[in-house]
Amino acid sequence: MKPLFVFVVLALAPLALSQEGDCDSLEKCQDALKTNRAASLIHFRLGEIFFAEKKYQPSTNEFREALNGDLKPKWVEVWAHVNLGKIFDITGQRDRALDQYRLAIGTGDNTRGAQDEAAKYTEEPYKRD
């Protein structure tokens, strides 16, 4: 039984990596959306790209699209809320930021320390370096 499990994990690992690796630029993500408009991960990656470029409105739109998509993988939900909170903090909308951090905490998902991050920014506003 153990060798079969290892085989399944090894067989599926490239698929998981290709989903994230295929969408590492604006162009690649936009192409990927042509085949799956409901892919939360693709919208999330677009949100990250726009956030890094300080394009907050498009970033907000993409994180919202991620929340309205298939929510795969599940961690997209918590991190979309955290990132929306950060955008609202940056743009001086503290009440909206707090709402997003609370929604993140409400998911109960602590993937990559999301709960700690949300709790931290509930106490003090996010500031971009």
N, C-alpha and C. Protein backbone atom coordinates (compact mmCIF):
# COMPACT_ATOMS: atom_id res chain seq x y z
N MET A 1 0.83 -1.19 0.00
CA MET A 1 0.00 0.00 0.00
C MET A 1 0.87 1.26 0.00
N LYS A 2 1.93 1.25 0.75
CA LYS A 2 2.79 2.42 0.84
C LYS A 2 3.39 2.80 -0.53
N PRO A 3 3.91 1.84 -1.32
CA PRO A 3 4.46 2.23 -2.62
C PRO A 3 3.41 2.88 -3.53
N LEU A 4 2.17 2.44 -3.47
CA LEU A 4 1.12 3.03 -4.29
C LEU A 4 0.90 4.49 -3.88
N PHE A 5 0.87 4.75 -2.57
CA PHE A 5 0.70 6.11 -2.08
C PHE A 5 1.83 7.01 -2.58
N VAL A 6 3.06 6.52 -2.49
CA VAL A 6 4.21 7.29 -2.94
C VAL A 6 4.09 7.57 -4.43
N PHE A 7 3.66 6.57 -5.19
CA PHE A 7 3.49 6.75 -6.63
C PHE A 7 2.45 7.82 -6.93
N VAL A 8 1.32 7.78 -6.24
CA VAL A 8 0.25 8.75 -6.46
C VAL A 8 0.74 10.15 -6.13
N VAL A 9 1.42 10.31 -5.00
CA VAL A 9 1.94 11.62 -4.61
C VAL A 9 2.94 12.12 -5.64
N LEU A 10 3.86 11.27 -6.06
CA LEU A 10 4.86 11.67 -7.03
C LEU A 10 4.24 11.97 -8.39
N ALA A 11 3.21 11.23 -8.75
CA ALA A 11 2.55 11.45 -10.03
C ALA A 11 1.78 12.76 -10.05
N LEU A 12 1.22 13.16 -8.92
CA LEU A 12 0.42 14.37 -8.87
C LEU A 12 1.24 15.62 -8.56
N ALA A 13 2.43 15.47 -8.03
CA ALA A 13 3.26 16.63 -7.66
C ALA A 13 3.52 17.57 -8.83
N PRO A 14 3.88 17.08 -10.02
CA PRO A 14 4.11 18.02 -11.12
C PRO A 14 2.85 18.80 -11.50
N LEU A 15 1.70 18.17 -11.38
CA LEU A 15 0.45 18.86 -11.69
C LEU A 15 0.25 20.04 -10.75
N ALA A 16 0.46 19.83 -9.46
CA ALA A 16 0.29 20.91 -8.48
C ALA A 16 1.28 22.03 -8.75
N LEU A 17 2.51 21.66 -9.05
CA LEU A 17 3.52 22.68 -9.31
C LEU A 17 3.25 23.41 -10.61
N SER A 18 2.76 22.71 -11.62
CA SER A 18 2.53 23.37 -12.90
C SER A 18 1.40 24.38 -12.80
N GLN A 19 0.43 24.14 -11.94
CA GLN A 19 -0.66 25.10 -11.80
C GLN A 19 -0.13 26.44 -11.31
N GLU A 20 0.79 26.43 -10.38
CA GLU A 20 1.33 27.67 -9.86
C GLU A 20 2.43 28.21 -10.77
N GLY A 21 3.27 27.33 -11.28
CA GLY A 21 4.40 27.74 -12.10
C GLY A 21 3.99 28.29 -13.45
N ASP A 22 2.85 27.86 -13.97
CA ASP A 22 2.41 28.32 -15.27
C ASP A 22 1.90 29.75 -15.23
N CYS A 23 1.66 30.26 -14.05
CA CYS A 23 1.06 31.59 -13.91
C CYS A 23 1.99 32.48 -13.09
N ASP A 24 3.16 32.75 -13.64
CA ASP A 24 4.12 33.56 -12.91
C ASP A 24 4.37 34.91 -13.59
N SER A 25 3.55 35.23 -14.58
CA SER A 25 3.62 36.54 -15.23
C SER A 25 2.21 36.94 -15.65
N LEU A 26 2.03 38.20 -15.89
CA LEU A 26 0.72 38.71 -16.29
C LEU A 26 0.22 37.99 -17.55
N GLU A 27 1.08 37.85 -18.52
CA GLU A 27 0.70 37.23 -19.78
C GLU A 27 0.31 35.77 -19.60
N LYS A 28 1.11 35.04 -18.83
CA LYS A 28 0.81 33.62 -18.60
C LYS A 28 -0.50 33.44 -17.85
N CYS A 29 -0.75 34.30 -16.87
CA CYS A 29 -2.00 34.21 -16.11
C CYS A 29 -3.20 34.52 -16.99
N GLN A 30 -3.08 35.55 -17.82
CA GLN A 30 -4.18 35.90 -18.70
C GLN A 30 -4.46 34.78 -19.70
N ASP A 31 -3.41 34.14 -20.18
CA ASP A 31 -3.61 32.99 -21.07
C ASP A 31 -4.29 31.84 -20.34
N ALA A 32 -3.86 31.59 -19.10
CA ALA A 32 -4.45 30.50 -18.32
C ALA A 32 -5.93 30.75 -18.04
N LEU A 33 -6.31 32.01 -17.86
CA LEU A 33 -7.72 32.33 -17.60
C LEU A 33 -8.61 32.02 -18.80
N LYS A 34 -8.04 31.99 -19.99
CA LYS A 34 -8.83 31.68 -21.19
C LYS A 34 -9.43 30.28 -21.11
N THR A 35 -8.75 29.38 -20.41
CA THR A 35 -9.24 28.01 -20.30
C THR A 35 -10.05 27.76 -19.05
N ASN A 36 -9.91 28.64 -18.03
CA ASN A 36 -10.66 28.44 -16.79
C ASN A 36 -10.87 29.78 -16.08
N ARG A 37 -11.94 30.46 -16.42
CA ARG A 37 -12.23 31.78 -15.85
C ARG A 37 -12.51 31.72 -14.35
N ALA A 38 -12.91 30.55 -13.84
CA ALA A 38 -13.28 30.42 -12.43
C ALA A 38 -12.11 29.97 -11.56
N ALA A 39 -10.92 29.91 -12.11
CA ALA A 39 -9.76 29.42 -11.37
C ALA A 39 -9.30 30.44 -10.35
N SER A 40 -9.62 30.20 -9.10
CA SER A 40 -9.25 31.12 -8.02
C SER A 40 -7.75 31.33 -7.94
N LEU A 41 -6.98 30.29 -8.14
CA LEU A 41 -5.53 30.41 -8.04
C LEU A 41 -4.97 31.37 -9.08
N ILE A 42 -5.50 31.33 -10.28
CA ILE A 42 -5.02 32.23 -11.33
C ILE A 42 -5.36 33.68 -10.96
N HIS A 43 -6.59 33.91 -10.52
CA HIS A 43 -6.96 35.26 -10.12
C HIS A 43 -6.11 35.73 -8.93
N PHE A 44 -5.84 34.81 -8.00
CA PHE A 44 -5.00 35.15 -6.86
C PHE A 44 -3.61 35.58 -7.32
N ARG A 45 -3.03 34.81 -8.25
CA ARG A 45 -1.69 35.15 -8.76
C ARG A 45 -1.71 36.51 -9.45
N LEU A 46 -2.77 36.79 -10.22
CA LEU A 46 -2.89 38.11 -10.85
C LEU A 46 -2.96 39.20 -9.79
N GLY A 47 -3.70 38.95 -8.72
CA GLY A 47 -3.77 39.90 -7.62
C GLY A 47 -2.40 40.18 -7.04
N GLU A 48 -1.61 39.13 -6.87
CA GLU A 48 -0.25 39.30 -6.34
C GLU A 48 0.63 40.11 -7.30
N ILE A 49 0.50 39.84 -8.58
CA ILE A 49 1.29 40.56 -9.58
C ILE A 49 0.96 42.05 -9.54
N PHE A 50 -0.34 42.37 -9.54
CA PHE A 50 -0.74 43.78 -9.50
C PHE A 50 -0.35 44.43 -8.18
N PHE A 51 -0.46 43.69 -7.08
CA PHE A 51 -0.06 44.23 -5.78
C PHE A 51 1.42 44.60 -5.78
N ALA A 52 2.25 43.72 -6.31
CA ALA A 52 3.69 43.98 -6.37
C ALA A 52 3.99 45.22 -7.21
N GLU A 53 3.15 45.49 -8.19
CA GLU A 53 3.32 46.66 -9.05
C GLU A 53 2.63 47.90 -8.49
N LYS A 54 2.06 47.78 -7.29
CA LYS A 54 1.33 48.86 -6.63
C LYS A 54 0.13 49.32 -7.44
N LYS A 55 -0.46 48.41 -8.16
CA LYS A 55 -1.70 48.66 -8.91
C LYS A 55 -2.84 48.11 -8.07
N TYR A 56 -3.29 48.91 -7.12
CA TYR A 56 -4.18 48.42 -6.08
C TYR A 56 -5.60 48.12 -6.56
N GLN A 57 -6.15 48.91 -7.47
CA GLN A 57 -7.51 48.61 -7.92
C GLN A 57 -7.58 47.30 -8.70
N PRO A 58 -6.69 47.08 -9.69
CA PRO A 58 -6.72 45.79 -10.36
C PRO A 58 -6.42 44.62 -9.41
N SER A 59 -5.53 44.86 -8.45
CA SER A 59 -5.21 43.83 -7.47
C SER A 59 -6.45 43.47 -6.65
N THR A 60 -7.16 44.49 -6.19
CA THR A 60 -8.39 44.27 -5.43
C THR A 60 -9.39 43.47 -6.26
N ASN A 61 -9.55 43.86 -7.51
CA ASN A 61 -10.49 43.15 -8.39
C ASN A 61 -10.13 41.68 -8.53
N GLU A 62 -8.84 41.38 -8.66
CA GLU A 62 -8.41 40.00 -8.85
C GLU A 62 -8.57 39.18 -7.56
N PHE A 63 -8.27 39.78 -6.42
CA PHE A 63 -8.48 39.04 -5.16
C PHE A 63 -9.96 38.77 -4.95
N ARG A 64 -10.80 39.69 -5.33
CA ARG A 64 -12.25 39.45 -5.23
C ARG A 64 -12.69 38.35 -6.19
N GLU A 65 -12.14 38.36 -7.39
CA GLU A 65 -12.45 37.29 -8.36
C GLU A 65 -11.99 35.93 -7.81
N ALA A 66 -10.86 35.93 -7.13
CA ALA A 66 -10.38 34.68 -6.52
C ALA A 66 -11.40 34.17 -5.51
N LEU A 67 -11.97 35.08 -4.73
CA LEU A 67 -12.98 34.69 -3.73
C LEU A 67 -14.27 34.21 -4.38
N ASN A 68 -14.54 34.69 -5.58
CA ASN A 68 -15.77 34.30 -6.29
C ASN A 68 -15.57 33.08 -7.19
N GLY A 69 -14.35 32.58 -7.23
CA GLY A 69 -14.03 31.44 -8.11
C GLY A 69 -14.24 30.11 -7.43
N ASP A 70 -13.47 29.13 -7.86
CA ASP A 70 -13.63 27.76 -7.37
C ASP A 70 -12.99 27.50 -6.01
N LEU A 71 -12.28 28.49 -5.47
CA LEU A 71 -11.59 28.39 -4.16
C LEU A 71 -10.69 27.17 -4.07
N LYS A 72 -9.97 26.92 -5.15
CA LYS A 72 -8.98 25.84 -5.17
C LYS A 72 -7.63 26.46 -5.48
N PRO A 73 -6.64 26.20 -4.67
CA PRO A 73 -6.68 25.48 -3.40
C PRO A 73 -7.39 26.30 -2.32
N LYS A 74 -7.75 25.65 -1.26
CA LYS A 74 -8.55 26.26 -0.21
C LYS A 74 -7.89 27.48 0.42
N TRP A 75 -6.57 27.49 0.53
CA TRP A 75 -5.86 28.60 1.18
C TRP A 75 -6.04 29.92 0.46
N VAL A 76 -6.46 29.89 -0.79
CA VAL A 76 -6.68 31.13 -1.55
C VAL A 76 -7.66 32.04 -0.81
N GLU A 77 -8.66 31.45 -0.18
CA GLU A 77 -9.67 32.25 0.51
C GLU A 77 -9.06 33.10 1.62
N VAL A 78 -8.34 32.48 2.52
CA VAL A 78 -7.79 33.22 3.66
C VAL A 78 -6.80 34.28 3.19
N TRP A 79 -5.93 33.93 2.23
CA TRP A 79 -4.92 34.87 1.79
C TRP A 79 -5.48 35.99 0.93
N ALA A 80 -6.56 35.74 0.21
CA ALA A 80 -7.21 36.82 -0.54
C ALA A 80 -7.74 37.86 0.43
N HIS A 81 -8.35 37.40 1.53
CA HIS A 81 -8.85 38.34 2.53
C HIS A 81 -7.70 39.11 3.18
N VAL A 82 -6.62 38.44 3.52
CA VAL A 82 -5.47 39.13 4.12
C VAL A 82 -4.93 40.19 3.16
N ASN A 83 -4.78 39.81 1.91
CA ASN A 83 -4.23 40.76 0.94
C ASN A 83 -5.18 41.92 0.67
N LEU A 84 -6.48 41.66 0.65
CA LEU A 84 -7.43 42.76 0.52
C LEU A 84 -7.31 43.71 1.72
N GLY A 85 -7.14 43.14 2.90
CA GLY A 85 -6.94 43.97 4.08
C GLY A 85 -5.72 44.85 3.95
N LYS A 86 -4.65 44.30 3.43
CA LYS A 86 -3.42 45.09 3.23
C LYS A 86 -3.67 46.24 2.27
N ILE A 87 -4.36 45.96 1.18
CA ILE A 87 -4.65 47.02 0.21
C ILE A 87 -5.48 48.12 0.85
N PHE A 88 -6.49 47.73 1.61
CA PHE A 88 -7.32 48.74 2.26
C PHE A 88 -6.52 49.54 3.28
N ASP A 89 -5.60 48.91 3.99
CA ASP A 89 -4.74 49.65 4.91
C ASP A 89 -3.87 50.65 4.15
N ILE A 90 -3.25 50.21 3.07
CA ILE A 90 -2.38 51.08 2.28
C ILE A 90 -3.14 52.29 1.76
N THR A 91 -4.40 52.08 1.39
CA THR A 91 -5.19 53.14 0.79
C THR A 91 -6.02 53.92 1.81
N GLY A 92 -5.70 53.74 3.09
CA GLY A 92 -6.32 54.53 4.14
C GLY A 92 -7.76 54.16 4.48
N GLN A 93 -8.12 52.92 4.23
CA GLN A 93 -9.47 52.45 4.51
C GLN A 93 -9.43 51.41 5.64
N ARG A 94 -9.08 51.87 6.82
CA ARG A 94 -8.84 50.97 7.95
C ARG A 94 -10.05 50.12 8.31
N ASP A 95 -11.25 50.67 8.29
CA ASP A 95 -12.44 49.88 8.64
C ASP A 95 -12.63 48.71 7.68
N ARG A 96 -12.43 48.98 6.40
CA ARG A 96 -12.56 47.90 5.40
C ARG A 96 -11.44 46.88 5.58
N ALA A 97 -10.25 47.36 5.93
CA ALA A 97 -9.13 46.45 6.18
C ALA A 97 -9.46 45.51 7.33
N LEU A 98 -9.96 46.08 8.41
CA LEU A 98 -10.32 45.26 9.58
C LEU A 98 -11.38 44.22 9.23
N ASP A 99 -12.34 44.59 8.41
CA ASP A 99 -13.35 43.62 7.98
C ASP A 99 -12.70 42.44 7.27
N GLN A 100 -11.73 42.73 6.41
CA GLN A 100 -11.06 41.66 5.66
C GLN A 100 -10.21 40.78 6.57
N TYR A 101 -9.51 41.39 7.51
CA TYR A 101 -8.71 40.58 8.44
C TYR A 101 -9.61 39.68 9.28
N ARG A 102 -10.76 40.19 9.68
CA ARG A 102 -11.71 39.38 10.46
C ARG A 102 -12.26 38.24 9.62
N LEU A 103 -12.54 38.51 8.35
CA LEU A 103 -13.00 37.43 7.47
C LEU A 103 -11.91 36.37 7.32
N ALA A 104 -10.66 36.80 7.22
CA ALA A 104 -9.54 35.85 7.13
C ALA A 104 -9.49 34.98 8.38
N ILE A 105 -9.60 35.61 9.53
CA ILE A 105 -9.56 34.87 10.79
C ILE A 105 -10.74 33.91 10.87
N GLY A 106 -11.88 34.34 10.36
CA GLY A 106 -13.08 33.50 10.38
C GLY A 106 -12.97 32.23 9.56
N THR A 107 -12.04 32.19 8.61
CA THR A 107 -11.88 30.96 7.82
C THR A 107 -11.25 29.84 8.65
N GLY A 108 -10.47 30.22 9.68
CA GLY A 108 -9.79 29.23 10.49
C GLY A 108 -8.60 28.58 9.79
N ASP A 109 -8.31 29.01 8.58
CA ASP A 109 -7.22 28.43 7.79
C ASP A 109 -5.92 29.15 8.15
N ASN A 110 -4.93 28.38 8.61
CA ASN A 110 -3.65 28.96 8.99
C ASN A 110 -2.53 28.58 8.04
N THR A 111 -2.88 28.34 6.79
CA THR A 111 -1.87 28.00 5.80
C THR A 111 -0.84 29.12 5.72
N ARG A 112 0.42 28.75 5.82
CA ARG A 112 1.56 29.67 5.77
C ARG A 112 1.42 30.84 6.76
N GLY A 113 0.81 30.57 7.93
CA GLY A 113 0.73 31.57 8.98
C GLY A 113 -0.30 32.66 8.74
N ALA A 114 -1.32 32.36 7.95
CA ALA A 114 -2.33 33.37 7.61
C ALA A 114 -3.04 33.93 8.83
N GLN A 115 -3.33 33.09 9.81
CA GLN A 115 -4.03 33.56 11.00
C GLN A 115 -3.17 34.55 11.78
N ASP A 116 -1.89 34.25 11.88
CA ASP A 116 -0.97 35.16 12.59
C ASP A 116 -0.88 36.50 11.86
N GLU A 117 -0.82 36.44 10.55
CA GLU A 117 -0.72 37.66 9.75
C GLU A 117 -1.98 38.52 9.92
N ALA A 118 -3.14 37.88 9.84
CA ALA A 118 -4.41 38.60 9.99
C ALA A 118 -4.52 39.21 11.38
N ALA A 119 -4.14 38.45 12.39
CA ALA A 119 -4.20 38.95 13.77
C ALA A 119 -3.24 40.13 13.96
N LYS A 120 -2.06 40.03 13.38
CA LYS A 120 -1.06 41.10 13.49
C LYS A 120 -1.61 42.40 12.93
N TYR A 121 -2.22 42.34 11.76
CA TYR A 121 -2.71 43.56 11.11
C TYR A 121 -4.06 44.01 11.65
N THR A 122 -4.69 43.18 12.44
CA THR A 122 -5.87 43.63 13.17
C THR A 122 -5.44 44.57 14.29
N GLU A 123 -4.27 44.31 14.84
CA GLU A 123 -3.73 45.14 15.92
C GLU A 123 -3.06 46.41 15.42
N GLU A 124 -2.37 46.32 14.32
CA GLU A 124 -1.68 47.48 13.75
C GLU A 124 -1.80 47.45 12.23
N PRO A 125 -2.06 48.58 11.59
CA PRO A 125 -2.25 48.60 10.14
C PRO A 125 -1.01 48.11 9.39
N TYR A 126 -1.27 47.47 8.26
CA TYR A 126 -0.19 47.05 7.37
C TYR A 126 0.44 48.30 6.76
N LYS A 127 1.77 48.29 6.71
CA LYS A 127 2.52 49.37 6.06
C LYS A 127 3.46 48.74 5.05
N ARG A 128 3.38 49.23 3.87
CA ARG A 128 4.25 48.72 2.80
C ARG A 128 5.65 49.27 2.97
N ASP A 129 6.64 48.41 2.80
CA ASP A 129 8.05 48.84 2.93
C ASP A 129 8.47 49.77 1.83
